[in-house]
């Protein structure tokens, strides 16, 4: 099983919340999807440290503020080199004041979107559910 950590990142502009989505392209299949920043946990790295490192590597964004108590896990399978791989991703929720994104080679685009548009843009159902829970947590 592969384990990754990621982040639902948001920023506020005039009290309106915008979520960061990254546009991924699978180099093997050419398939594209929209999702959150995430990556593999390295040895002796905490989940939070991995989420921070991946955010910085994939977007150039540093120093987001974690929302205490938010931690959502999704599980899924994907094919890699003809093999079926089980994957677990733990997501955190964090706020950034930084709007500028400097994409890594892993991505082909990004968008800051309000919730209604973000939930439509996110490709996978489990990611939509994480976004729904994140938005609900911010509105409570």
C-alpha atoms as a PDB file:
ATOM      1  CA  UNK A   1       0.000   0.000   0.000  1.00  0.00           C
ATOM      2  CA  UNK A   2       1.186   3.490  -0.869  1.00  0.00           C
ATOM      3  CA  UNK A   3       0.579   6.227   1.694  1.00  0.00           C
ATOM      4  CA  UNK A   4       0.514   9.926   0.862  1.00  0.00           C
ATOM      5  CA  UNK A   5      -0.333  13.152   2.627  1.00  0.00           C
ATOM      6  CA  UNK A   6      -1.937  16.189   1.075  1.00  0.00           C
ATOM      7  CA  UNK A   7      -3.623  19.465   1.693  1.00  0.00           C
ATOM      8  CA  UNK A   8      -6.876  21.199   0.948  1.00  0.00           C
ATOM      9  CA  UNK A   9      -5.518  24.732   0.719  1.00  0.00           C
ATOM     10  CA  UNK A  10      -7.699  27.816   0.841  1.00  0.00           C
ATOM     11  CA  UNK A  11      -7.306  31.565   0.919  1.00  0.00           C
ATOM     12  CA  UNK A  12      -9.748  34.319   1.734  1.00  0.00           C
ATOM     13  CA  UNK A  13     -10.367  37.343  -0.461  1.00  0.00           C
ATOM     14  CA  UNK A  14     -12.950  39.844   0.828  1.00  0.00           C
ATOM     15  CA  UNK A  15     -14.245  37.138   3.189  1.00  0.00           C
ATOM     16  CA  UNK A  16     -14.882  34.801   0.235  1.00  0.00           C
ATOM     17  CA  UNK A  17     -13.102  31.425   0.377  1.00  0.00           C
ATOM     18  CA  UNK A  18     -11.132  30.114  -2.613  1.00  0.00           C
ATOM     19  CA  UNK A  19      -9.691  26.579  -2.846  1.00  0.00           C
ATOM     20  CA  UNK A  20      -6.540  25.607  -4.732  1.00  0.00           C
ATOM     21  CA  UNK A  21      -6.863  22.818  -7.288  1.00  0.00           C
ATOM     22  CA  UNK A  22      -3.997  21.410  -9.339  1.00  0.00           C
ATOM     23  CA  UNK A  23      -4.315  19.996 -12.853  1.00  0.00           C
ATOM     24  CA  UNK A  24      -2.490  16.664 -13.113  1.00  0.00           C
ATOM     25  CA  UNK A  25      -1.590  14.703 -16.236  1.00  0.00           C
ATOM     26  CA  UNK A  26      -0.665  11.026 -15.996  1.00  0.00           C
ATOM     27  CA  UNK A  27       2.518  10.631 -18.053  1.00  0.00           C
ATOM     28  CA  UNK A  28       1.773   6.915 -18.669  1.00  0.00           C
ATOM     29  CA  UNK A  29      -1.820   7.218 -19.838  1.00  0.00           C
ATOM     30  CA  UNK A  30      -2.187  10.885 -20.783  1.00  0.00           C
ATOM     31  CA  UNK A  31      -5.303  11.084 -18.591  1.00  0.00           C
ATOM     32  CA  UNK A  32      -5.854  14.390 -16.827  1.00  0.00           C
ATOM     33  CA  UNK A  33      -7.559  15.217 -13.542  1.00  0.00           C
ATOM     34  CA  UNK A  34      -8.023  17.980 -10.968  1.00  0.00           C
ATOM     35  CA  UNK A  35      -7.036  17.317  -7.360  1.00  0.00           C
ATOM     36  CA  UNK A  36      -5.274  18.716  -4.298  1.00  0.00           C
ATOM     37  CA  UNK A  37      -1.496  18.907  -3.680  1.00  0.00           C
ATOM     38  CA  UNK A  38      -0.247  15.609  -2.261  1.00  0.00           C
ATOM     39  CA  UNK A  39       2.698  13.236  -2.242  1.00  0.00           C
ATOM     40  CA  UNK A  40       4.361  10.155  -0.799  1.00  0.00           C
ATOM     41  CA  UNK A  41       5.428  10.062   2.818  1.00  0.00           C
ATOM     42  CA  UNK A  42       9.174   9.661   3.158  1.00  0.00           C
ATOM     43  CA  UNK A  43      10.840   7.706   5.962  1.00  0.00           C
ATOM     44  CA  UNK A  44      10.822   9.515   9.309  1.00  0.00           C
ATOM     45  CA  UNK A  45       8.519  12.247   7.971  1.00  0.00           C
ATOM     46  CA  UNK A  46       5.291  13.116   9.756  1.00  0.00           C
ATOM     47  CA  UNK A  47       2.067  13.395   7.784  1.00  0.00           C
ATOM     48  CA  UNK A  48       1.986  17.155   8.372  1.00  0.00           C
ATOM     49  CA  UNK A  49       5.592  17.619   7.248  1.00  0.00           C
ATOM     50  CA  UNK A  50       4.921  15.640   4.074  1.00  0.00           C
ATOM     51  CA  UNK A  51       1.840  17.748   3.304  1.00  0.00           C
ATOM     52  CA  UNK A  52       3.862  20.960   3.816  1.00  0.00           C
ATOM     53  CA  UNK A  53       6.800  19.732   1.713  1.00  0.00           C
ATOM     54  CA  UNK A  54       4.554  18.595  -1.132  1.00  0.00           C
ATOM     55  CA  UNK A  55       2.686  21.905  -1.120  1.00  0.00           C
ATOM     56  CA  UNK A  56       5.971  23.809  -1.327  1.00  0.00           C
ATOM     57  CA  UNK A  57       7.421  21.524  -4.048  1.00  0.00           C
ATOM     58  CA  UNK A  58       4.263  21.498  -6.178  1.00  0.00           C
ATOM     59  CA  UNK A  59       3.141  25.127  -5.799  1.00  0.00           C
ATOM     60  CA  UNK A  60       5.929  27.192  -4.242  1.00  0.00           C
ATOM     61  CA  UNK A  61       3.566  28.092  -1.382  1.00  0.00           C
ATOM     62  CA  UNK A  62       5.163  28.150   2.071  1.00  0.00           C
ATOM     63  CA  UNK A  63       3.905  28.558   5.613  1.00  0.00           C
ATOM     64  CA  UNK A  64       0.197  27.750   5.448  1.00  0.00           C
ATOM     65  CA  UNK A  65      -1.729  27.684   8.723  1.00  0.00           C
ATOM     66  CA  UNK A  66      -3.287  24.315   9.540  1.00  0.00           C
ATOM     67  CA  UNK A  67      -6.920  24.246  10.644  1.00  0.00           C
ATOM     68  CA  UNK A  68      -6.837  22.284  13.892  1.00  0.00           C
ATOM     69  CA  UNK A  69      -8.819  19.081  14.036  1.00  0.00           C
ATOM     70  CA  UNK A  70      -9.254  18.558  10.287  1.00  0.00           C
ATOM     71  CA  UNK A  71      -7.825  15.275   9.012  1.00  0.00           C
ATOM     72  CA  UNK A  72      -9.591  13.244   6.328  1.00  0.00           C
ATOM     73  CA  UNK A  73      -8.483   9.934   4.838  1.00  0.00           C
ATOM     74  CA  UNK A  74      -9.404   8.464   1.467  1.00  0.00           C
ATOM     75  CA  UNK A  75      -8.538   5.039   0.049  1.00  0.00           C
ATOM     76  CA  UNK A  76      -8.509   3.993  -3.574  1.00  0.00           C
ATOM     77  CA  UNK A  77      -6.835   1.759  -6.166  1.00  0.00           C
ATOM     78  CA  UNK A  78      -4.984   2.761  -9.312  1.00  0.00           C
ATOM     79  CA  UNK A  79      -2.951   1.021 -12.007  1.00  0.00           C
ATOM     80  CA  UNK A  80       0.781   1.601 -12.317  1.00  0.00           C
ATOM     81  CA  UNK A  81       2.849  -0.363 -14.805  1.00  0.00           C
ATOM     82  CA  UNK A  82      -0.004  -2.837 -15.209  1.00  0.00           C
ATOM     83  CA  UNK A  83      -0.224  -3.474 -11.449  1.00  0.00           C
ATOM     84  CA  UNK A  84      -3.153  -2.596  -9.219  1.00  0.00           C
ATOM     85  CA  UNK A  85      -1.928  -0.409  -6.337  1.00  0.00           C
ATOM     86  CA  UNK A  86      -3.780   0.338  -3.106  1.00  0.00           C
ATOM     87  CA  UNK A  87      -3.384   3.937  -1.964  1.00  0.00           C
ATOM     88  CA  UNK A  88      -4.254   5.825   1.205  1.00  0.00           C
ATOM     89  CA  UNK A  89      -4.127   9.644   1.315  1.00  0.00           C
ATOM     90  CA  UNK A  90      -4.490  11.725   4.468  1.00  0.00           C
ATOM     91  CA  UNK A  91      -5.594  15.312   3.850  1.00  0.00           C
ATOM     92  CA  UNK A  92      -5.205  18.353   6.071  1.00  0.00           C
ATOM     93  CA  UNK A  93      -6.917  21.715   5.730  1.00  0.00           C
ATOM     94  CA  UNK A  94      -4.794  24.866   5.730  1.00  0.00           C
ATOM     95  CA  UNK A  95      -5.019  28.569   4.938  1.00  0.00           C
ATOM     96  CA  UNK A  96      -2.552  30.635   2.944  1.00  0.00           C
ATOM     97  CA  UNK A  97      -2.282  34.346   2.215  1.00  0.00           C
ATOM     98  CA  UNK A  98      -0.182  33.552  -0.852  1.00  0.00           C
ATOM     99  CA  UNK A  99      -2.111  33.680  -4.130  1.00  0.00           C
ATOM    100  CA  UNK A 100       0.791  33.233  -6.551  1.00  0.00           C
ATOM    101  CA  UNK A 101       1.461  29.611  -7.524  1.00  0.00           C
ATOM    102  CA  UNK A 102       4.696  28.382  -9.104  1.00  0.00           C
ATOM    103  CA  UNK A 103       3.833  24.963 -10.531  1.00  0.00           C
ATOM    104  CA  UNK A 104       6.234  22.040 -10.524  1.00  0.00           C
ATOM    105  CA  UNK A 105       6.793  19.857 -13.595  1.00  0.00           C
ATOM    106  CA  UNK A 106       4.153  17.453 -12.199  1.00  0.00           C
ATOM    107  CA  UNK A 107       1.253  19.747 -13.065  1.00  0.00           C
ATOM    108  CA  UNK A 108      -0.139  21.417 -16.148  1.00  0.00           C
ATOM    109  CA  UNK A 109      -2.275  24.059 -14.451  1.00  0.00           C
ATOM    110  CA  UNK A 110      -3.990  25.343 -11.345  1.00  0.00           C
ATOM    111  CA  UNK A 111      -7.064  27.288 -10.280  1.00  0.00           C
ATOM    112  CA  UNK A 112      -8.221  29.121  -7.163  1.00  0.00           C
ATOM    113  CA  UNK A 113     -11.970  28.545  -7.121  1.00  0.00           C
ATOM    114  CA  UNK A 114     -14.891  29.313  -4.813  1.00  0.00           C
ATOM    115  CA  UNK A 115     -16.440  26.209  -3.255  1.00  0.00           C
ATOM    116  CA  UNK A 116     -19.319  25.800  -5.733  1.00  0.00           C
ATOM    117  CA  UNK A 117     -16.936  25.816  -8.709  1.00  0.00           C
ATOM    118  CA  UNK A 118     -14.201  23.818  -6.966  1.00  0.00           C
ATOM    119  CA  UNK A 119     -16.523  20.948  -6.075  1.00  0.00           C
ATOM    120  CA  UNK A 120     -17.571  20.764  -9.746  1.00  0.00           C
ATOM    121  CA  UNK A 121     -13.962  20.978 -11.008  1.00  0.00           C
ATOM    122  CA  UNK A 122     -12.476  18.260  -8.751  1.00  0.00           C
ATOM    123  CA  UNK A 123     -12.391  15.047 -10.763  1.00  0.00           C
ATOM    124  CA  UNK A 124     -12.847  12.234  -8.268  1.00  0.00           C
ATOM    125  CA  UNK A 125     -15.820  11.596  -5.980  1.00  0.00           C
ATOM    126  CA  UNK A 126     -13.649  10.929  -2.898  1.00  0.00           C
ATOM    127  CA  UNK A 127     -11.825  14.260  -3.396  1.00  0.00           C
ATOM    128  CA  UNK A 128     -15.208  16.021  -3.740  1.00  0.00           C
ATOM    129  CA  UNK A 129     -16.213  14.492  -0.388  1.00  0.00           C
ATOM    130  CA  UNK A 130     -13.001  15.760   1.261  1.00  0.00           C
ATOM    131  CA  UNK A 131     -13.687  19.242  -0.147  1.00  0.00           C
ATOM    132  CA  UNK A 132     -17.288  19.124   1.120  1.00  0.00           C
ATOM    133  CA  UNK A 133     -16.064  18.245   4.635  1.00  0.00           C
ATOM    134  CA  UNK A 134     -13.387  20.964   4.494  1.00  0.00           C
ATOM    135  CA  UNK A 135     -15.894  23.607   3.432  1.00  0.00           C
ATOM    136  CA  UNK A 136     -18.335  22.515   6.123  1.00  0.00           C
ATOM    137  CA  UNK A 137     -15.557  22.711   8.755  1.00  0.00           C
ATOM    138  CA  UNK A 138     -14.765  26.303   7.699  1.00  0.00           C
ATOM    139  CA  UNK A 139     -18.398  27.372   7.870  1.00  0.00           C
ATOM    140  CA  UNK A 140     -19.010  25.986  11.376  1.00  0.00           C
END
